[in-house]
Amino acid sequence: MHIGLDVTPLAVPLTGIGNVVQRFAAAIADDPGFSLAPFALTGKNADRVRQNLPPGSSLPRSLPAALVHPLWRRLNLPTAHQLAGQPVDLVHGTNFYGVPGGGVPELITIHDTGPWVRPDAVSSTVRAFPRLVDRALQRGAHVHTLSFAAGEEIASLLDLPADRVHPIQIGFDHPTETPVAPSNVPVETGHRFVLTVGSIEPRKRLPQLVQTIAPLLRQERDLHLVVAGGGPDSELLDRAIARQTDVAPRIHRLGYVSEHEKSWLLRQAELVVSNSSSEGFGMVPLEAMSVQTPTVATDGAVQREVCGDAALLVPVEDPDAMASALETCLTDSAVRTRLIQAGTLQATRFSWSTTTNQLLDLYRSLAAKD
């Protein structure tokens, strides 16, 4: 079975979505019953996509998203087989928008509800995704989500029957056993740090986290905040850090880090914090749990599904609750012990092999219905 897979997320430094797509591509390429037909909507970053594809995979010349998305808002062209340069039996749009299948089954991965419920907090490109999804749903596309909670949210939001929404929990990569300290970590030996990892975008609410944690940094003189990742809100985050003039020297922006560097950060951190307004899944808490680092996160149906009782969950947009949870996690040894024990168990419940096996089964099922 030839699977047309949109691998556009491989065009940028790999974070959550990119890691997911890379895993999907590898699973398709490794299964003898499937053939990977990748395509990407990028121009200047096509070489980076090729580097992130499974060995032996080829990528045809790609068209930029800025050209293709406006066409898809009016037409069902170009189709997946035109983009992939070969016929396909099913097309999987991996990053919110649907890809015209030209008559073959279509699947869309919708990561979260942000483009619908918080359009003011996403880029203009992302704000256009709901219209592309609507067109795909009119063509009969099915939807894949990364968690059961996200599946329920998307089904309700888009008024879809249950048989067109397919939740498959994703796995996560255990932090490498060969950690390397980032060269630009200015945290001195013996100083503690709180870590947050991920894309710097509105839903991650990092400027708000800086404001919330600043009083704790003033109270704990050896404590630092380390932010790993990059994204469109970087300048806004820098301004938020600069406003905390007295503790700004202890708030460190590292940019994107390698897997070896991320492993070091996750292992050395006193705790990992996620201040996101919403998640479609959330790998970083599980990565932290797997190396016995406690986690504090904002509450929500998805976070409860992923973290279980292995994290301190606080209401979104409640900075006092977040500050209290951070302090408790730093100072209460009984709470830390409980979170570490529960987190070690919680992390074992998610694996990439389970994820990819279920995804390939879904491909077979959708193709059989066609």
Protein backbone atom coordinates (compact mmCIF):
# COMPACT_ATOMS: atom_id res chain seq x y z
CA MET A 1 0.00 0.00 0.00
CA HIS A 2 1.44 3.37 -1.05
CA ILE A 3 1.01 6.03 1.66
CA GLY A 4 1.27 9.67 0.65
CA LEU A 5 2.69 11.30 3.78
CA ASP A 6 3.00 15.04 4.28
CA VAL A 7 6.46 15.41 5.83
CA THR A 8 6.52 19.22 5.85
CA PRO A 9 7.10 19.29 9.66
CA LEU A 10 10.55 17.80 9.00
CA ALA A 11 11.58 21.12 7.40
CA VAL A 12 12.27 22.81 10.74
CA PRO A 13 14.27 21.75 13.83
CA LEU A 14 12.45 18.72 15.17
CA THR A 15 10.17 19.35 18.13
CA GLY A 16 6.92 17.55 19.00
CA ILE A 17 5.18 17.48 15.61
CA GLY A 18 8.39 16.86 13.70
CA ASN A 19 9.31 13.92 15.94
CA VAL A 20 5.86 12.42 15.45
CA VAL A 21 6.05 12.71 11.65
CA GLN A 22 9.55 11.26 11.58
CA ARG A 23 8.30 8.25 13.52
CA PHE A 24 5.33 7.82 11.17
CA ALA A 25 7.60 7.96 8.12
CA ALA A 26 9.99 5.38 9.59
CA ALA A 27 7.13 2.99 10.47
CA ILE A 28 5.74 3.14 6.93
CA ALA A 29 9.17 2.66 5.36
CA ASP A 30 10.02 -0.29 7.64
CA ASP A 31 6.81 -2.27 7.07
CA PRO A 32 6.96 -4.56 4.01
CA GLY A 33 3.24 -4.08 3.45
CA PHE A 34 3.62 -0.35 2.90
CA SER A 35 5.54 2.02 0.66
CA LEU A 36 6.37 5.57 1.73
CA ALA A 37 5.50 8.32 -0.78
CA PRO A 38 6.60 11.49 1.02
CA PHE A 39 5.96 15.06 -0.05
CA ALA A 40 6.58 18.42 1.59
CA LEU A 41 5.23 21.93 1.16
CA THR A 42 8.51 23.78 1.40
CA GLY A 43 11.03 25.32 -0.90
CA LYS A 44 14.19 26.47 0.80
CA ASN A 45 14.13 23.77 3.49
CA ALA A 46 13.68 20.75 1.22
CA ASP A 47 17.22 19.55 1.91
CA ARG A 48 16.53 19.48 5.65
CA VAL A 49 13.41 17.39 5.00
CA ARG A 50 15.49 14.90 2.98
CA GLN A 51 18.00 14.61 5.84
CA ASN A 52 15.21 13.71 8.25
CA LEU A 53 13.57 11.08 6.04
CA PRO A 54 14.20 7.34 6.47
CA PRO A 55 17.26 6.05 4.58
CA GLY A 56 16.49 5.31 0.96
CA SER A 57 13.51 7.67 0.79
CA SER A 58 13.38 10.30 -1.92
CA LEU A 59 11.54 13.60 -1.94
CA PRO A 60 10.27 15.09 -5.20
CA ARG A 61 10.61 18.77 -5.93
CA SER A 62 8.25 20.49 -3.52
CA LEU A 63 5.93 23.47 -3.82
CA PRO A 64 5.82 26.13 -1.07
CA ALA A 65 2.83 26.11 1.27
CA ALA A 66 2.22 29.79 0.46
CA LEU A 67 1.32 28.72 -3.08
CA VAL A 68 -0.50 25.46 -2.37
CA HIS A 69 -2.73 26.41 0.57
CA PRO A 70 -4.58 29.19 -1.33
CA LEU A 71 -5.22 26.73 -4.17
CA TRP A 72 -6.64 24.17 -1.73
CA ARG A 73 -9.06 26.73 -0.34
CA ARG A 74 -10.73 26.84 -3.77
CA LEU A 75 -9.69 23.68 -5.62
CA ASN A 76 -8.81 20.08 -4.90
CA LEU A 77 -5.52 20.52 -6.71
CA PRO A 78 -2.70 19.68 -6.54
CA THR A 79 -3.51 16.18 -5.33
CA ALA A 80 -1.38 13.94 -3.18
CA HIS A 81 -0.19 11.82 -6.09
CA GLN A 82 0.88 14.96 -7.96
CA LEU A 83 2.83 16.19 -4.93
CA ALA A 84 4.38 12.79 -4.23
CA GLY A 85 5.21 12.18 -7.89
CA GLN A 86 3.57 8.75 -7.83
CA PRO A 87 0.16 7.13 -7.27
CA VAL A 88 -0.90 6.70 -3.65
CA ASP A 89 -3.54 4.51 -2.01
CA LEU A 90 -4.10 6.80 1.00
CA VAL A 91 -2.92 10.29 1.93
CA HIS A 92 -2.11 11.42 5.45
CA GLY A 93 -1.98 15.15 6.16
CA THR A 94 0.11 15.24 9.33
CA ASN A 95 -0.17 18.85 10.43
CA PHE A 96 -3.77 20.09 10.78
CA TYR A 97 -4.68 20.60 7.12
CA GLY A 98 -6.17 18.08 4.72
CA VAL A 99 -4.48 17.08 1.47
CA PRO A 100 -6.70 16.35 -1.56
CA GLY A 101 -6.50 12.63 -2.24
CA GLY A 102 -7.85 12.70 -5.77
CA GLY A 103 -10.28 9.92 -4.90
CA VAL A 104 -8.23 7.94 -2.36
CA PRO A 105 -8.93 7.94 1.41
CA GLU A 106 -7.73 10.99 3.32
CA LEU A 107 -6.58 11.21 6.93
CA ILE A 108 -5.77 14.42 8.83
CA THR A 109 -3.85 14.64 12.08
CA ILE A 110 -5.26 17.50 14.16
CA HIS A 111 -2.91 18.15 17.06
CA ASP A 112 -5.06 20.49 19.15
CA THR A 113 -8.01 22.88 18.96
CA GLY A 114 -5.93 26.08 18.92
CA PRO A 115 -6.68 27.23 15.34
CA TRP A 116 -10.42 27.08 16.11
CA VAL A 117 -10.73 28.27 19.70
CA ARG A 118 -7.75 30.69 19.90
CA PRO A 119 -7.27 32.09 16.39
CA ASP A 120 -5.79 35.30 17.80
CA ALA A 121 -2.97 33.28 19.39
CA VAL A 122 -1.75 31.57 16.21
CA SER A 123 -0.08 32.76 13.02
CA SER A 124 -2.01 33.81 9.93
CA THR A 125 -0.94 30.56 8.24
CA VAL A 126 -2.38 28.48 11.05
CA ARG A 127 -5.57 30.54 11.13
CA ALA A 128 -6.25 29.29 7.60
CA PHE A 129 -6.12 25.62 8.61
CA PRO A 130 -9.79 25.28 9.72
CA ARG A 131 -10.98 26.17 6.23
CA LEU A 132 -8.69 23.53 4.73
CA VAL A 133 -9.99 21.03 7.28
CA ASP A 134 -13.60 21.87 6.36
CA ARG A 135 -12.89 21.21 2.70
CA ALA A 136 -11.20 17.92 3.54
CA LEU A 137 -14.11 16.83 5.73
CA GLN A 138 -16.49 17.61 2.88
CA ARG A 139 -14.43 15.22 0.76
CA GLY A 140 -14.93 12.53 3.43
CA ALA A 141 -11.61 12.79 5.26
CA HIS A 142 -11.11 11.06 8.60
CA VAL A 143 -9.36 12.68 11.58
CA HIS A 144 -6.55 11.32 13.70
CA THR A 145 -5.75 12.81 17.13
CA LEU A 146 -2.84 12.19 19.49
CA SER A 147 -4.95 11.45 22.56
CA PHE A 148 -8.46 10.31 23.46
CA ALA A 149 -9.23 13.61 25.17
CA ALA A 150 -8.20 15.55 22.08
CA GLY A 151 -10.35 13.21 19.99
CA GLU A 152 -13.41 14.06 22.05
CA GLU A 153 -12.68 17.79 21.82
CA ILE A 154 -12.20 17.67 18.04
CA ALA A 155 -15.28 15.50 17.44
CA SER A 156 -17.43 17.94 19.40
CA LEU A 157 -15.87 21.03 17.84
CA LEU A 158 -16.24 19.80 14.26
CA ASP A 159 -19.52 17.91 14.85
CA LEU A 160 -18.06 14.65 13.61
CA PRO A 161 -19.42 11.15 14.26
CA ALA A 162 -17.25 8.90 16.37
CA ASP A 163 -16.39 6.62 13.44
CA ARG A 164 -14.57 9.45 11.65
CA VAL A 165 -12.29 10.37 14.58
CA HIS A 166 -9.43 8.03 15.47
CA PRO A 167 -7.46 8.75 18.67
CA ILE A 168 -4.09 7.03 18.83
CA GLN A 169 -1.90 7.95 21.77
CA ILE A 170 1.63 8.70 20.64
CA GLY A 171 4.83 7.51 22.24
CA PHE A 172 7.91 9.45 23.29
CA ASP A 173 11.65 9.05 22.97
CA HIS A 174 13.40 8.11 26.20
CA PRO A 175 16.14 10.68 26.81
CA THR A 176 19.43 9.42 25.43
CA GLU A 177 21.84 7.61 27.74
CA THR A 178 24.65 9.85 26.47
CA PRO A 179 23.67 13.29 27.76
CA VAL A 180 25.78 16.30 26.89
CA ALA A 181 25.64 19.63 28.71
CA PRO A 182 24.73 22.47 26.31
CA SER A 183 27.69 24.76 25.79
CA ASN A 184 25.54 27.81 26.49
CA VAL A 185 24.15 26.69 29.86
CA PRO A 186 25.31 29.40 32.26
CA VAL A 187 24.06 27.59 35.35
CA GLU A 188 26.98 27.21 37.69
CA THR A 189 27.78 23.91 39.34
CA GLY A 190 25.61 23.42 42.40
CA HIS A 191 22.87 25.79 41.27
CA ARG A 192 19.42 24.38 40.73
CA PHE A 193 17.20 25.07 37.74
CA VAL A 194 13.60 24.68 36.62
CA LEU A 195 13.33 23.59 33.00
CA THR A 196 10.75 24.20 30.30
CA VAL A 197 11.19 22.67 26.84
CA GLY A 198 9.23 23.25 23.64
CA SER A 199 8.28 25.67 20.94
CA ILE A 200 8.00 29.30 21.97
CA GLU A 201 4.50 30.11 20.79
CA PRO A 202 1.40 31.72 22.32
CA ARG A 203 -0.24 28.58 23.69
CA LYS A 204 2.90 27.69 25.66
CA ARG A 205 2.42 30.89 27.71
CA LEU A 206 6.12 31.35 28.48
CA PRO A 207 6.02 35.11 29.13
CA GLN A 208 3.37 34.38 31.76
CA LEU A 209 5.57 31.65 33.25
CA VAL A 210 8.45 34.12 33.59
CA GLN A 211 6.21 36.51 35.49
CA THR A 212 4.93 33.70 37.70
CA ILE A 213 8.31 32.25 38.59
CA ALA A 214 10.11 35.57 39.18
CA PRO A 215 9.06 35.87 42.87
CA LEU A 216 10.26 32.31 43.48
CA LEU A 217 13.63 33.16 41.93
CA ARG A 218 13.89 36.12 44.28
CA GLN A 219 13.12 33.84 47.21
CA GLU A 220 15.44 31.00 46.13
CA ARG A 221 18.73 32.73 45.36
CA ASP A 222 20.40 29.66 43.84
CA LEU A 223 17.47 28.84 41.55
CA HIS A 224 17.46 29.45 37.78
CA LEU A 225 14.92 29.06 34.98
CA VAL A 226 16.14 27.45 31.73
CA VAL A 227 14.05 27.72 28.54
CA ALA A 228 14.97 25.36 25.69
CA GLY A 229 13.36 25.86 22.29
CA GLY A 230 12.58 28.50 19.71
CA GLY A 231 9.61 29.90 17.90
CA PRO A 232 7.54 32.92 16.92
CA ASP A 233 7.12 34.27 20.46
CA SER A 234 10.87 34.51 21.12
CA GLU A 235 10.97 38.31 21.05
CA LEU A 236 7.92 38.57 23.31
CA LEU A 237 9.58 36.16 25.74
CA ASP A 238 12.81 38.17 25.70
CA ARG A 239 10.89 41.32 26.62
CA ALA A 240 9.15 39.49 29.48
CA ILE A 241 12.54 38.35 30.81
CA ALA A 242 14.01 41.85 30.52
CA ARG A 243 11.18 43.28 32.64
CA GLN A 244 12.27 41.10 35.56
CA THR A 245 15.44 43.14 35.89
CA ASP A 246 16.74 41.75 39.18
CA VAL A 247 16.35 38.05 38.30
CA ALA A 248 16.76 38.26 34.50
CA PRO A 249 20.41 37.06 34.74
CA ARG A 250 19.06 33.77 36.15
CA ILE A 251 16.59 33.20 33.29
CA HIS A 252 18.37 31.54 30.39
CA ARG A 253 17.21 31.09 26.79
CA LEU A 254 19.08 28.27 25.05
CA GLY A 255 17.26 28.09 21.73
CA TYR A 256 16.89 24.69 20.08
CA VAL A 257 18.92 21.93 21.71
CA SER A 258 20.05 18.52 20.45
CA GLU A 259 18.61 15.29 21.83
CA HIS A 260 21.80 14.73 23.82
CA GLU A 261 21.58 18.24 25.28
CA LYS A 262 17.89 17.85 26.05
CA SER A 263 18.67 14.61 27.85
CA TRP A 264 21.20 16.40 30.05
CA LEU A 265 18.75 19.17 30.84
CA LEU A 266 15.93 16.76 31.70
CA ARG A 267 18.19 14.74 33.98
CA GLN A 268 19.76 17.71 35.76
CA ALA A 269 16.64 19.85 36.27
CA GLU A 270 15.03 20.08 39.68
CA LEU A 271 11.70 19.90 37.91
CA VAL A 272 10.12 20.35 34.48
CA VAL A 273 7.23 22.77 34.02
CA SER A 274 4.64 23.11 31.25
CA ASN A 275 2.51 26.27 31.34
CA SER A 276 0.57 25.54 28.15
CA SER A 277 -3.02 26.66 27.67
CA SER A 278 -3.72 23.42 25.75
CA GLU A 279 -2.01 20.33 24.43
CA GLY A 280 -2.87 17.65 21.91
CA PHE A 281 -0.58 15.27 23.80
CA GLY A 282 2.61 16.58 25.43
CA MET A 283 5.78 14.49 25.27
CA VAL A 284 8.05 16.49 27.56
CA PRO A 285 6.35 15.54 30.85
CA LEU A 286 6.74 11.86 29.96
CA GLU A 287 10.37 12.39 28.97
CA ALA A 288 10.98 14.00 32.35
CA MET A 289 9.14 11.27 34.23
CA SER A 290 11.17 8.58 32.49
CA VAL A 291 14.39 10.00 34.03
CA GLN A 292 12.82 10.61 37.44
CA THR A 293 12.41 14.36 37.17
CA PRO A 294 9.20 15.72 38.76
CA THR A 295 6.74 17.64 36.61
CA VAL A 296 4.35 20.55 37.13
CA ALA A 297 1.83 21.27 34.37
CA THR A 298 -1.34 23.16 33.65
CA ASP A 299 -4.50 21.11 33.96
CA GLY A 300 -6.74 19.90 31.15
CA ALA A 301 -8.30 16.70 29.86
CA VAL A 302 -5.29 15.88 27.70
CA GLN A 303 -2.78 16.57 30.47
CA ARG A 304 -4.76 14.37 32.87
CA GLU A 305 -4.75 11.57 30.29
CA VAL A 306 -1.02 11.80 29.65
CA CYS A 307 0.25 12.60 33.16
CA GLY A 308 -2.26 10.72 35.28
CA ASP A 309 -1.43 11.29 38.96
CA ALA A 310 2.29 11.64 38.20
CA ALA A 311 2.39 15.45 37.93
CA LEU A 312 1.18 18.41 39.93
CA LEU A 313 -1.60 19.85 37.73
CA VAL A 314 -2.79 23.43 38.23
CA PRO A 315 -5.59 25.41 36.57
CA VAL A 316 -4.67 27.31 33.42
CA GLU A 317 -4.27 31.06 33.97
CA ASP A 318 -3.93 30.69 37.75
CA PRO A 319 -0.43 32.05 38.41
CA ASP A 320 -0.80 31.77 42.19
CA ALA A 321 -1.58 28.05 41.90
CA MET A 322 1.33 27.57 39.51
CA ALA A 323 3.73 29.39 41.85
CA SER A 324 2.53 27.33 44.80
CA ALA A 325 2.92 24.05 42.88
CA LEU A 326 6.44 24.98 41.77
CA GLU A 327 7.45 25.82 45.34
CA THR A 328 5.92 22.61 46.69
CA CYS A 329 7.69 20.51 44.08
CA LEU A 330 11.00 22.16 44.92
CA THR A 331 10.77 21.98 48.70
CA ASP A 332 8.52 19.06 49.74
CA SER A 333 10.57 15.86 49.64
CA ALA A 334 7.51 13.63 50.18
CA VAL A 335 5.75 15.16 47.18
CA ARG A 336 8.88 14.81 45.04
CA THR A 337 9.25 11.15 46.00
CA ARG A 338 5.62 10.44 45.16
CA LEU A 339 5.86 12.18 41.78
CA ILE A 340 9.07 10.36 40.88
CA GLN A 341 7.60 6.96 41.74
CA ALA A 342 4.31 7.62 39.93
CA GLY A 343 6.09 9.18 36.95
CA THR A 344 8.40 6.22 36.44
CA LEU A 345 5.35 3.96 36.14
CA GLN A 346 3.33 6.41 34.00
CA ALA A 347 6.10 6.70 31.41
CA THR A 348 6.05 2.93 30.79
CA ARG A 349 2.47 3.15 29.51
CA PHE A 350 3.42 4.87 26.24
CA SER A 351 5.52 3.45 23.41
CA TRP A 352 6.18 4.25 19.75
CA SER A 353 5.74 0.63 18.72
CA THR A 354 2.16 0.62 20.01
CA THR A 355 1.50 3.97 18.31
CA THR A 356 2.83 3.02 14.90
CA ASN A 357 1.20 -0.43 14.90
CA GLN A 358 -2.16 1.20 15.55
CA LEU A 359 -1.54 3.82 12.87
CA LEU A 360 -0.73 1.21 10.22
CA ASP A 361 -3.84 -0.74 11.24
CA LEU A 362 -5.84 2.47 10.74
CA TYR A 363 -4.38 2.90 7.24
CA ARG A 364 -5.46 -0.66 6.38
CA SER A 365 -8.94 -0.09 7.77
CA LEU A 366 -9.52 3.16 5.90
CA ALA A 367 -8.23 1.67 2.64
CA ALA A 368 -10.52 -1.34 3.05
CA LYS A 369 -13.55 0.94 3.43
CA ASP A 370 -12.79 2.79 0.20
